[in-house]
Amino acid sequence: QYLVRSTFCPQMGACLIASGSEDGSVHLLDTAREGKAAQVNRLHGHAAPILSIAFNYDESYLATGDHQGLVIIWQN
């Protein structure tokens, strides 16, 4: 499994990276934990590789898009 796309979110008190993978899952990583990234959540909903991933302006939503054209809006 390979990570395909990533985005950074300097969220309140945390430094999150959201990464979409070729298996269609989204990995949320906290980089503020002891100097290394730790997975804090994994989201499922896509059946194809994720090609696009982005937070909205206030980081309350995460949008992901896959190879088949499916877009999912995840609420924080």
PDB file of N, CA and C in Angstrom:
ATOM      1  N   GLN A   1       0.847  -1.171   0.000  1.00  0.00           N
ATOM      2  CA  GLN A   1       0.000   0.000   0.000  1.00  0.00           C
ATOM      3  C   GLN A   1       0.892   1.233   0.000  1.00  0.00           C
ATOM      4  N   TYR A   2       0.573   2.179  -0.866  1.00  0.00           N
ATOM      5  CA  TYR A   2       1.338   3.410  -0.988  1.00  0.00           C
ATOM      6  C   TYR A   2       0.441   4.599  -0.718  1.00  0.00           C
ATOM      7  N   LEU A   3       1.016   5.619  -0.083  1.00  0.00           N
ATOM      8  CA  LEU A   3       0.295   6.873   0.085  1.00  0.00           C
ATOM      9  C   LEU A   3       0.389   7.633  -1.218  1.00  0.00           C
ATOM     10  N   VAL A   4      -0.727   8.178  -1.666  1.00  0.00           N
ATOM     11  CA  VAL A   4      -0.786   8.833  -2.962  1.00  0.00           C
ATOM     12  C   VAL A   4      -0.765  10.352  -2.832  1.00  0.00           C
ATOM     13  N   ARG A   5      -1.562  10.914  -1.931  1.00  0.00           N
ATOM     14  CA  ARG A   5      -1.650  12.361  -1.739  1.00  0.00           C
ATOM     15  C   ARG A   5      -1.680  12.671  -0.250  1.00  0.00           C
ATOM     16  N   SER A   6      -1.130  13.827   0.138  1.00  0.00           N
ATOM     17  CA  SER A   6      -1.141  14.268   1.531  1.00  0.00           C
ATOM     18  C   SER A   6      -1.382  15.758   1.609  1.00  0.00           C
ATOM     19  N   THR A   7      -1.900  16.188   2.761  1.00  0.00           N
ATOM     20  CA  THR A   7      -2.072  17.607   3.037  1.00  0.00           C
ATOM     21  C   THR A   7      -1.830  17.834   4.515  1.00  0.00           C
ATOM     22  N   PHE A   8      -1.365  19.030   4.866  1.00  0.00           N
ATOM     23  CA  PHE A   8      -1.002  19.386   6.235  1.00  0.00           C
ATOM     24  C   PHE A   8      -2.076  20.267   6.842  1.00  0.00           C
ATOM     25  N   CYS A   9      -2.354  20.084   8.121  1.00  0.00           N
ATOM     26  CA  CYS A   9      -3.359  20.873   8.829  1.00  0.00           C
ATOM     27  C   CYS A   9      -2.816  21.260  10.197  1.00  0.00           C
ATOM     28  N   PRO A  10      -2.396  22.516  10.383  1.00  0.00           N
ATOM     29  CA  PRO A  10      -1.916  22.950  11.705  1.00  0.00           C
ATOM     30  C   PRO A  10      -3.097  23.236  12.623  1.00  0.00           C
ATOM     31  N   GLN A  11      -3.846  22.201  12.948  1.00  0.00           N
ATOM     32  CA  GLN A  11      -5.078  22.326  13.714  1.00  0.00           C
ATOM     33  C   GLN A  11      -4.784  22.754  15.143  1.00  0.00           C
ATOM     34  N   MET A  12      -5.784  23.323  15.801  1.00  0.00           N
ATOM     35  CA  MET A  12      -5.648  23.842  17.164  1.00  0.00           C
ATOM     36  C   MET A  12      -4.939  22.853  18.082  1.00  0.00           C
ATOM     37  N   GLY A  13      -3.706  23.119  18.421  1.00  0.00           N
ATOM     38  CA  GLY A  13      -2.957  22.296  19.341  1.00  0.00           C
ATOM     39  C   GLY A  13      -2.396  21.008  18.755  1.00  0.00           C
ATOM     40  N   ALA A  14      -2.675  20.729  17.505  1.00  0.00           N
ATOM     41  CA  ALA A  14      -2.175  19.505  16.877  1.00  0.00           C
ATOM     42  C   ALA A  14      -1.643  19.841  15.495  1.00  0.00           C
ATOM     43  N   CYS A  15      -0.781  19.016  15.016  1.00  0.00           N
ATOM     44  CA  CYS A  15      -0.267  19.155  13.649  1.00  0.00           C
ATOM     45  C   CYS A  15      -0.650  17.884  12.913  1.00  0.00           C
ATOM     46  N   LEU A  16      -1.709  17.973  12.118  1.00  0.00           N
ATOM     47  CA  LEU A  16      -2.227  16.792  11.442  1.00  0.00           C
ATOM     48  C   LEU A  16      -1.807  16.739   9.984  1.00  0.00           C
ATOM     49  N   ILE A  17      -1.539  15.544   9.529  1.00  0.00           N
ATOM     50  CA  ILE A  17      -1.341  15.276   8.112  1.00  0.00           C
ATOM     51  C   ILE A  17      -2.416  14.272   7.714  1.00  0.00           C
ATOM     52  N   ALA A  18      -3.146  14.591   6.678  1.00  0.00           N
ATOM     53  CA  ALA A  18      -4.128  13.662   6.124  1.00  0.00           C
ATOM     54  C   ALA A  18      -3.535  13.108   4.841  1.00  0.00           C
ATOM     55  N   SER A  19      -3.477  11.796   4.739  1.00  0.00           N
ATOM     56  CA  SER A  19      -2.886  11.144   3.570  1.00  0.00           C
ATOM     57  C   SER A  19      -3.865  10.159   2.969  1.00  0.00           C
ATOM     58  N   GLY A  20      -4.048  10.260   1.664  1.00  0.00           N
ATOM     59  CA  GLY A  20      -4.885   9.316   0.943  1.00  0.00           C
ATOM     60  C   GLY A  20      -4.009   8.242   0.333  1.00  0.00           C
ATOM     61  N   SER A  21      -4.488   7.017   0.328  1.00  0.00           N
ATOM     62  CA  SER A  21      -3.665   5.914  -0.163  1.00  0.00           C
ATOM     63  C   SER A  21      -4.271   5.252  -1.391  1.00  0.00           C
ATOM     64  N   GLU A  22      -3.485   4.387  -1.999  1.00  0.00           N
ATOM     65  CA  GLU A  22      -3.943   3.702  -3.207  1.00  0.00           C
ATOM     66  C   GLU A  22      -5.044   2.686  -2.916  1.00  0.00           C
ATOM     67  N   ASP A  23      -5.198   2.259  -1.660  1.00  0.00           N
ATOM     68  CA  ASP A  23      -6.284   1.329  -1.332  1.00  0.00           C
ATOM     69  C   ASP A  23      -7.588   2.052  -1.002  1.00  0.00           C
ATOM     70  N   GLY A  24      -7.599   3.392  -1.116  1.00  0.00           N
ATOM     71  CA  GLY A  24      -8.804   4.178  -0.893  1.00  0.00           C
ATOM     72  C   GLY A  24      -9.014   4.640   0.529  1.00  0.00           C
ATOM     73  N   SER A  25      -8.113   4.315   1.431  1.00  0.00           N
ATOM     74  CA  SER A  25      -8.266   4.760   2.815  1.00  0.00           C
ATOM     75  C   SER A  25      -7.561   6.094   3.033  1.00  0.00           C
ATOM     76  N   VAL A  26      -8.012   6.802   4.075  1.00  0.00           N
ATOM     77  CA  VAL A  26      -7.428   8.085   4.453  1.00  0.00           C
ATOM     78  C   VAL A  26      -6.801   7.904   5.829  1.00  0.00           C
ATOM     79  N   HIS A  27      -5.537   8.244   5.953  1.00  0.00           N
ATOM     80  CA  HIS A  27      -4.816   8.128   7.216  1.00  0.00           C
ATOM     81  C   HIS A  27      -4.639   9.515   7.809  1.00  0.00           C
ATOM     82  N   LEU A  28      -5.015   9.684   9.085  1.00  0.00           N
ATOM     83  CA  LEU A  28      -4.786  10.941   9.791  1.00  0.00           C
ATOM     84  C   LEU A  28      -3.632  10.724  10.757  1.00  0.00           C
ATOM     85  N   LEU A  29      -2.581  11.512  10.582  1.00  0.00           N
ATOM     86  CA  LEU A  29      -1.359  11.377  11.368  1.00  0.00           C
ATOM     87  C   LEU A  29      -1.124  12.631  12.182  1.00  0.00           C
ATOM     88  N   ASP A  30      -0.775  12.461  13.457  1.00  0.00           N
ATOM     89  CA  ASP A  30      -0.431  13.577  14.331  1.00  0.00           C
ATOM     90  C   ASP A  30       1.091  13.640  14.401  1.00  0.00           C
ATOM     91  N   THR A  31       1.672  14.748  13.923  1.00  0.00           N
ATOM     92  CA  THR A  31       3.137  14.881  13.903  1.00  0.00           C
ATOM     93  C   THR A  31       3.687  15.498  15.174  1.00  0.00           C
ATOM     94  N   ALA A  32       2.827  15.901  16.100  1.00  0.00           N
ATOM     95  CA  ALA A  32       3.282  16.545  17.331  1.00  0.00           C
ATOM     96  C   ALA A  32       3.582  15.540  18.438  1.00  0.00           C
ATOM     97  N   ARG A  33       3.386  14.286  18.179  1.00  0.00           N
ATOM     98  CA  ARG A  33       3.598  13.262  19.210  1.00  0.00           C
ATOM     99  C   ARG A  33       5.048  12.799  19.227  1.00  0.00           C
ATOM    100  N   GLU A  34       5.796  13.261  20.192  1.00  0.00           N
ATOM    101  CA  GLU A  34       7.174  12.829  20.435  1.00  0.00           C
ATOM    102  C   GLU A  34       8.060  12.899  19.201  1.00  0.00           C
ATOM    103  N   GLY A  35       7.839  13.902  18.363  1.00  0.00           N
ATOM    104  CA  GLY A  35       8.715  14.131  17.231  1.00  0.00           C
ATOM    105  C   GLY A  35       8.551  13.200  16.048  1.00  0.00           C
ATOM    106  N   LYS A  36       7.562  12.322  16.088  1.00  0.00           N
ATOM    107  CA  LYS A  36       7.329  11.451  14.939  1.00  0.00           C
ATOM    108  C   LYS A  36       5.825  11.334  14.692  1.00  0.00           C
ATOM    109  N   ALA A  37       5.472  10.979  13.489  1.00  0.00           N
ATOM    110  CA  ALA A  37       4.063  10.878  13.118  1.00  0.00           C
ATOM    111  C   ALA A  37       3.439   9.611  13.701  1.00  0.00           C
ATOM    112  N   ALA A  38       2.265   9.782  14.312  1.00  0.00           N
ATOM    113  CA  ALA A  38       1.514   8.652  14.845  1.00  0.00           C
ATOM    114  C   ALA A  38       0.117   8.673  14.240  1.00  0.00           C
ATOM    115  N   GLN A  39      -0.324   7.531  13.737  1.00  0.00           N
ATOM    116  CA  GLN A  39      -1.664   7.474  13.148  1.00  0.00           C
ATOM    117  C   GLN A  39      -2.700   7.606  14.248  1.00  0.00           C
ATOM    118  N   VAL A  40      -3.631   8.564  14.096  1.00  0.00           N
ATOM    119  CA  VAL A  40      -4.681   8.778  15.087  1.00  0.00           C
ATOM    120  C   VAL A  40      -6.049   8.335  14.586  1.00  0.00           C
ATOM    121  N   ASN A  41      -6.194   8.154  13.279  1.00  0.00           N
ATOM    122  CA  ASN A  41      -7.465   7.695  12.727  1.00  0.00           C
ATOM    123  C   ASN A  41      -7.246   7.194  11.300  1.00  0.00           C
ATOM    124  N   ARG A  42      -8.165   6.352  10.861  1.00  0.00           N
ATOM    125  CA  ARG A  42      -8.156   5.867   9.478  1.00  0.00           C
ATOM    126  C   ARG A  42      -9.598   5.877   8.990  1.00  0.00           C
ATOM    127  N   LEU A  43      -9.829   6.542   7.866  1.00  0.00           N
ATOM    128  CA  LEU A  43     -11.174   6.686   7.322  1.00  0.00           C
ATOM    129  C   LEU A  43     -11.339   5.791   6.104  1.00  0.00           C
ATOM    130  N   HIS A  44     -12.512   5.180   5.988  1.00  0.00           N
ATOM    131  CA  HIS A  44     -12.812   4.298   4.863  1.00  0.00           C
ATOM    132  C   HIS A  44     -14.055   4.812   4.151  1.00  0.00           C
ATOM    133  N   GLY A  45     -14.083   4.730   2.853  1.00  0.00           N
ATOM    134  CA  GLY A  45     -15.237   5.179   2.088  1.00  0.00           C
ATOM    135  C   GLY A  45     -14.991   5.131   0.594  1.00  0.00           C
ATOM    136  N   HIS A  46     -13.736   5.090   0.212  1.00  0.00           N
ATOM    137  CA  HIS A  46     -13.364   5.028  -1.204  1.00  0.00           C
ATOM    138  C   HIS A  46     -12.997   3.594  -1.584  1.00  0.00           C
ATOM    139  N   ALA A  47     -13.287   3.243  -2.829  1.00  0.00           N
ATOM    140  CA  ALA A  47     -12.921   1.923  -3.348  1.00  0.00           C
ATOM    141  C   ALA A  47     -11.817   2.024  -4.394  1.00  0.00           C
ATOM    142  N   ALA A  48     -11.321   3.244  -4.612  1.00  0.00           N
ATOM    143  CA  ALA A  48     -10.283   3.485  -5.619  1.00  0.00           C
ATOM    144  C   ALA A  48      -9.205   4.371  -4.997  1.00  0.00           C
ATOM    145  N   PRO A  49      -8.022   4.434  -5.609  1.00  0.00           N
ATOM    146  CA  PRO A  49      -6.947   5.281  -5.081  1.00  0.00           C
ATOM    147  C   PRO A  49      -7.377   6.741  -4.941  1.00  0.00           C
ATOM    148  N   ILE A  50      -6.950   7.357  -3.861  1.00  0.00           N
ATOM    149  CA  ILE A  50      -7.267   8.761  -3.613  1.00  0.00           C
ATOM    150  C   ILE A  50      -6.280   9.629  -4.386  1.00  0.00           C
ATOM    151  N   LEU A  51      -6.822  10.538  -5.180  1.00  0.00           N
ATOM    152  CA  LEU A  51      -5.992  11.406  -6.018  1.00  0.00           C
ATOM    153  C   LEU A  51      -5.965  12.848  -5.542  1.00  0.00           C
ATOM    154  N   SER A  52      -6.895  13.227  -4.661  1.00  0.00           N
ATOM    155  CA  SER A  52      -6.956  14.611  -4.194  1.00  0.00           C
ATOM    156  C   SER A  52      -7.417  14.628  -2.748  1.00  0.00           C
ATOM    157  N   ILE A  53      -6.822  15.538  -1.962  1.00  0.00           N
ATOM    158  CA  ILE A  53      -7.184  15.644  -0.551  1.00  0.00           C
ATOM    159  C   ILE A  53      -6.901  17.065  -0.081  1.00  0.00           C
ATOM    160  N   ALA A  54      -7.852  17.672   0.652  1.00  0.00           N
ATOM    161  CA  ALA A  54      -7.670  19.059   1.104  1.00  0.00           C
ATOM    162  C   ALA A  54      -8.594  19.372   2.273  1.00  0.00           C
ATOM    163  N   PHE A  55      -8.104  20.213   3.192  1.00  0.00           N
ATOM    164  CA  PHE A  55      -8.925  20.763   4.264  1.00  0.00           C
ATOM    165  C   PHE A  55      -9.556  22.057   3.780  1.00  0.00           C
ATOM    166  N   ASN A  56     -10.721  22.422   4.354  1.00  0.00           N
ATOM    167  CA  ASN A  56     -11.305  23.721   4.036  1.00  0.00           C
ATOM    168  C   ASN A  56     -10.608  24.796   4.875  1.00  0.00           C
ATOM    169  N   TYR A  57     -11.024  26.052   4.709  1.00  0.00           N
ATOM    170  CA  TYR A  57     -10.313  27.190   5.302  1.00  0.00           C
ATOM    171  C   TYR A  57     -10.207  27.133   6.818  1.00  0.00           C
ATOM    172  N   ASP A  58     -11.228  26.630   7.524  1.00  0.00           N
ATOM    173  CA  ASP A  58     -11.147  26.591   8.988  1.00  0.00           C
ATOM    174  C   ASP A  58     -10.913  25.170   9.519  1.00  0.00           C
ATOM    175  N   GLU A  59     -10.544  24.273   8.641  1.00  0.00           N
ATOM    176  CA  GLU A  59     -10.147  22.906   8.980  1.00  0.00           C
ATOM    177  C   GLU A  59     -11.268  22.075   9.598  1.00  0.00           C
ATOM    178  N   SER A  60     -12.533  22.462   9.359  1.00  0.00           N
ATOM    179  CA  SER A  60     -13.659  21.709   9.904  1.00  0.00           C
ATOM    180  C   SER A  60     -14.109  20.587   8.965  1.00  0.00           C
ATOM    181  N   TYR A  61     -13.666  20.637   7.722  1.00  0.00           N
ATOM    182  CA  TYR A  61     -14.000  19.607   6.737  1.00  0.00           C
ATOM    183  C   TYR A  61     -12.739  19.161   6.000  1.00  0.00           C
ATOM    184  N   LEU A  62     -12.757  17.904   5.592  1.00  0.00           N
ATOM    185  CA  LEU A  62     -11.699  17.344   4.758  1.00  0.00           C
ATOM    186  C   LEU A  62     -12.380  16.769   3.522  1.00  0.00           C
ATOM    187  N   ALA A  63     -11.920  17.145   2.359  1.00  0.00           N
ATOM    188  CA  ALA A  63     -12.469  16.615   1.109  1.00  0.00           C
ATOM    189  C   ALA A  63     -11.461  15.658   0.492  1.00  0.00           C
ATOM    190  N   THR A  64     -11.951  14.518   0.028  1.00  0.00           N
ATOM    191  CA  THR A  64     -11.107  13.551  -0.656  1.00  0.00           C
ATOM    192  C   THR A  64     -11.772  13.152  -1.971  1.00  0.00           C
ATOM    193  N   GLY A  65     -10.965  12.952  -2.983  1.00  0.00           N
ATOM    194  CA  GLY A  65     -11.472  12.526  -4.285  1.00  0.00           C
ATOM    195  C   GLY A  65     -10.668  11.347  -4.792  1.00  0.00           C
ATOM    196  N   ASP A  66     -11.352  10.396  -5.410  1.00  0.00           N
ATOM    197  CA  ASP A  66     -10.644   9.200  -5.861  1.00  0.00           C
ATOM    198  C   ASP A  66     -10.606   9.069  -7.383  1.00  0.00           C
ATOM    199  N   HIS A  67      -9.941   8.040  -7.830  1.00  0.00           N
ATOM    200  CA  HIS A  67      -9.707   7.769  -9.252  1.00  0.00           C
ATOM    201  C   HIS A  67     -11.001   7.542 -10.040  1.00  0.00           C
ATOM    202  N   GLN A  68     -12.062   7.094  -9.361  1.00  0.00           N
ATOM    203  CA  GLN A  68     -13.343   6.842 -10.024  1.00  0.00           C
ATOM    204  C   GLN A  68     -14.234   8.087 -10.062  1.00  0.00           C
ATOM    205  N   GLY A  69     -13.781   9.193  -9.469  1.00  0.00           N
ATOM    206  CA  GLY A  69     -14.548  10.430  -9.478  1.00  0.00           C
ATOM    207  C   GLY A  69     -15.388  10.673  -8.238  1.00  0.00           C
ATOM    208  N   LEU A  70     -15.353   9.767  -7.278  1.00  0.00           N
ATOM    209  CA  LEU A  70     -16.112   9.946  -6.045  1.00  0.00           C
ATOM    210  C   LEU A  70     -15.430  10.985  -5.163  1.00  0.00           C
ATOM    211  N   VAL A  71     -16.211  11.950  -4.663  1.00  0.00           N
ATOM    212  CA  VAL A  71     -15.720  12.950  -3.717  1.00  0.00           C
ATOM    213  C   VAL A  71     -16.465  12.741  -2.405  1.00  0.00           C
ATOM    214  N   ILE A  72     -15.724  12.676  -1.304  1.00  0.00           N
ATOM    215  CA  ILE A  72     -16.323  12.547   0.027  1.00  0.00           C
ATOM    216  C   ILE A  72     -15.899  13.752   0.848  1.00  0.00           C
ATOM    217  N   ILE A  73     -16.880  14.362   1.527  1.00  0.00           N
ATOM    218  CA  ILE A  73     -16.615  15.468   2.450  1.00  0.00           C
ATOM    219  C   ILE A  73     -16.738  14.899   3.859  1.00  0.00           C
ATOM    220  N   TRP A  74     -15.635  14.905   4.587  1.00  0.00           N
ATOM    221  CA  TRP A  74     -15.581  14.384   5.955  1.00  0.00           C
ATOM    222  C   TRP A  74     -15.677  15.565   6.912  1.00  0.00           C
ATOM    223  N   GLN A  75     -16.554  15.478   7.910  1.00  0.00           N
ATOM    224  CA  GLN A  75     -16.689  16.561   8.887  1.00  0.00           C
ATOM    225  C   GLN A  75     -15.844  16.254  10.106  1.00  0.00           C
ATOM    226  N   ASN A  76     -15.133  17.275  10.588  1.00  0.00           N
ATOM    227  CA  ASN A  76     -14.267  17.126  11.751  1.00  0.00           C
ATOM    228  C   ASN A  76     -15.089  17.009  13.014  1.00  0.00           C
TER     229      ASN A  76
END
